[in-house]
Amino acid sequence: MAYVKTAISIQESLFKEADALAAKMNIPRSRLFAIAVSEFIQRQKNQHLLRQLDAVYDDMPDASERQLQGAMRTKQRQLLDGQW
């Protein structure tokens, strides 16, 4: 796997927190940043997928579809109960 070196600018307080966390986790600071970016990217992908799923299931049945569903449930219940 190839690695790329980069420089970033962050607030000093965030840098100190990241540095302390990396020390606590006993990992290099660069590894901590790589983990954080990787998790952020995955979270963005998950949110995008969730928005797509929300759009698919956002199409709620209108009044005529609900009426048809009710009639189908009634008919299915009659069939299950043997009341043809």
C-alpha atoms as a PDB file:
ATOM      1  CA  MET A   1       0.000   0.000   0.000  1.00  0.00           C
ATOM      2  CA  ALA A   2       1.385   3.382  -0.963  1.00  0.00           C
ATOM      3  CA  TYR A   3       1.419   6.207   1.540  1.00  0.00           C
ATOM      4  CA  VAL A   4       1.197   9.920   0.844  1.00  0.00           C
ATOM      5  CA  LYS A   5       2.584  12.538   3.148  1.00  0.00           C
ATOM      6  CA  THR A   6       0.413  15.614   3.680  1.00  0.00           C
ATOM      7  CA  ALA A   7       0.250  18.689   5.860  1.00  0.00           C
ATOM      8  CA  ILE A   8      -2.921  20.034   7.449  1.00  0.00           C
ATOM      9  CA  SER A   9      -3.776  23.096   9.477  1.00  0.00           C
ATOM     10  CA  ILE A  10      -5.944  22.601  12.556  1.00  0.00           C
ATOM     11  CA  GLN A  11      -6.630  24.529  15.733  1.00  0.00           C
ATOM     12  CA  GLU A  12      -3.968  24.093  18.377  1.00  0.00           C
ATOM     13  CA  SER A  13      -6.495  22.804  20.913  1.00  0.00           C
ATOM     14  CA  LEU A  14      -7.646  20.082  18.492  1.00  0.00           C
ATOM     15  CA  PHE A  15      -4.018  19.175  17.787  1.00  0.00           C
ATOM     16  CA  LYS A  16      -3.320  18.816  21.501  1.00  0.00           C
ATOM     17  CA  GLU A  17      -6.384  16.591  21.968  1.00  0.00           C
ATOM     18  CA  ALA A  18      -5.399  14.440  18.990  1.00  0.00           C
ATOM     19  CA  ASP A  19      -1.824  14.189  20.237  1.00  0.00           C
ATOM     20  CA  ALA A  20      -2.998  13.132  23.705  1.00  0.00           C
ATOM     21  CA  LEU A  21      -5.413  10.563  22.264  1.00  0.00           C
ATOM     22  CA  ALA A  22      -2.744   9.103  19.994  1.00  0.00           C
ATOM     23  CA  ALA A  23      -0.412   8.765  22.981  1.00  0.00           C
ATOM     24  CA  LYS A  24      -3.176   7.155  25.048  1.00  0.00           C
ATOM     25  CA  MET A  25      -3.930   4.714  22.215  1.00  0.00           C
ATOM     26  CA  ASN A  26      -0.209   4.110  21.734  1.00  0.00           C
ATOM     27  CA  ILE A  27      -0.393   4.825  18.003  1.00  0.00           C
ATOM     28  CA  PRO A  28       1.359   7.415  15.867  1.00  0.00           C
ATOM     29  CA  ARG A  29      -0.518  10.676  15.434  1.00  0.00           C
ATOM     30  CA  SER A  30      -0.573  10.142  11.656  1.00  0.00           C
ATOM     31  CA  ARG A  31      -2.342   6.794  12.216  1.00  0.00           C
ATOM     32  CA  LEU A  32      -4.945   8.539  14.398  1.00  0.00           C
ATOM     33  CA  PHE A  33      -5.636  11.040  11.629  1.00  0.00           C
ATOM     34  CA  ALA A  34      -5.847   8.244   9.046  1.00  0.00           C
ATOM     35  CA  ILE A  35      -8.369   6.381  11.228  1.00  0.00           C
ATOM     36  CA  ALA A  36     -10.411   9.545  11.735  1.00  0.00           C
ATOM     37  CA  VAL A  37     -10.516  10.367   8.015  1.00  0.00           C
ATOM     38  CA  SER A  38     -11.376   6.767   7.134  1.00  0.00           C
ATOM     39  CA  GLU A  39     -14.260   6.709   9.631  1.00  0.00           C
ATOM     40  CA  PHE A  40     -15.492  10.110   8.436  1.00  0.00           C
ATOM     41  CA  ILE A  41     -15.525   8.934   4.813  1.00  0.00           C
ATOM     42  CA  GLN A  42     -17.408   5.752   5.770  1.00  0.00           C
ATOM     43  CA  ARG A  43     -19.943   7.786   7.749  1.00  0.00           C
ATOM     44  CA  GLN A  44     -20.495  10.059   4.724  1.00  0.00           C
ATOM     45  CA  LYS A  45     -21.045   7.014   2.501  1.00  0.00           C
ATOM     46  CA  ASN A  46     -23.523   5.587   5.008  1.00  0.00           C
ATOM     47  CA  GLN A  47     -25.408   8.883   5.197  1.00  0.00           C
ATOM     48  CA  HIS A  48     -25.557   9.056   1.397  1.00  0.00           C
ATOM     49  CA  LEU A  49     -26.947   5.514   1.275  1.00  0.00           C
ATOM     50  CA  LEU A  50     -29.486   6.368   3.987  1.00  0.00           C
ATOM     51  CA  ARG A  51     -30.634   9.429   2.003  1.00  0.00           C
ATOM     52  CA  GLN A  52     -31.071   7.208  -1.059  1.00  0.00           C
ATOM     53  CA  LEU A  53     -33.098   4.673   0.940  1.00  0.00           C
ATOM     54  CA  ASP A  54     -35.193   7.451   2.472  1.00  0.00           C
ATOM     55  CA  ALA A  55     -35.964   8.734  -1.030  1.00  0.00           C
ATOM     56  CA  VAL A  56     -37.029   5.260  -2.182  1.00  0.00           C
ATOM     57  CA  TYR A  57     -39.323   4.668   0.789  1.00  0.00           C
ATOM     58  CA  ASP A  58     -40.627   8.244   0.906  1.00  0.00           C
ATOM     59  CA  ASP A  59     -43.300   7.383  -1.656  1.00  0.00           C
ATOM     60  CA  MET A  60     -46.171   6.746   0.739  1.00  0.00           C
ATOM     61  CA  PRO A  61     -49.428   5.300  -0.634  1.00  0.00           C
ATOM     62  CA  ASP A  62     -52.104   7.825  -1.541  1.00  0.00           C
ATOM     63  CA  ALA A  63     -55.783   7.489  -0.551  1.00  0.00           C
ATOM     64  CA  SER A  64     -56.727   5.199  -3.444  1.00  0.00           C
ATOM     65  CA  GLU A  65     -53.759   2.915  -2.763  1.00  0.00           C
ATOM     66  CA  ARG A  66     -54.655   2.736   0.948  1.00  0.00           C
ATOM     67  CA  GLN A  67     -58.233   1.856   0.002  1.00  0.00           C
ATOM     68  CA  LEU A  68     -56.990  -0.887  -2.316  1.00  0.00           C
ATOM     69  CA  GLN A  69     -54.686  -2.211   0.414  1.00  0.00           C
ATOM     70  CA  GLY A  70     -57.621  -2.356   2.828  1.00  0.00           C
ATOM     71  CA  ALA A  71     -59.726  -4.268   0.307  1.00  0.00           C
ATOM     72  CA  MET A  72     -56.860  -6.689  -0.329  1.00  0.00           C
ATOM     73  CA  ARG A  73     -56.426  -7.272   3.417  1.00  0.00           C
ATOM     74  CA  THR A  74     -60.135  -7.987   3.752  1.00  0.00           C
ATOM     75  CA  LYS A  75     -60.057 -10.429   0.834  1.00  0.00           C
ATOM     76  CA  GLN A  76     -56.928 -12.152   2.157  1.00  0.00           C
ATOM     77  CA  ARG A  77     -58.527 -12.512   5.603  1.00  0.00           C
ATOM     78  CA  GLN A  78     -61.638 -14.041   3.996  1.00  0.00           C
ATOM     79  CA  LEU A  79     -59.482 -16.475   2.026  1.00  0.00           C
ATOM     80  CA  LEU A  80     -57.522 -17.461   5.132  1.00  0.00           C
ATOM     81  CA  ASP A  81     -60.720 -17.924   7.126  1.00  0.00           C
ATOM     82  CA  GLY A  82     -62.253 -20.011   4.338  1.00  0.00           C
ATOM     83  CA  GLN A  83     -64.984 -17.495   3.556  1.00  0.00           C
ATOM     84  CA  TRP A  84     -64.682 -17.376  -0.223  1.00  0.00           C
END
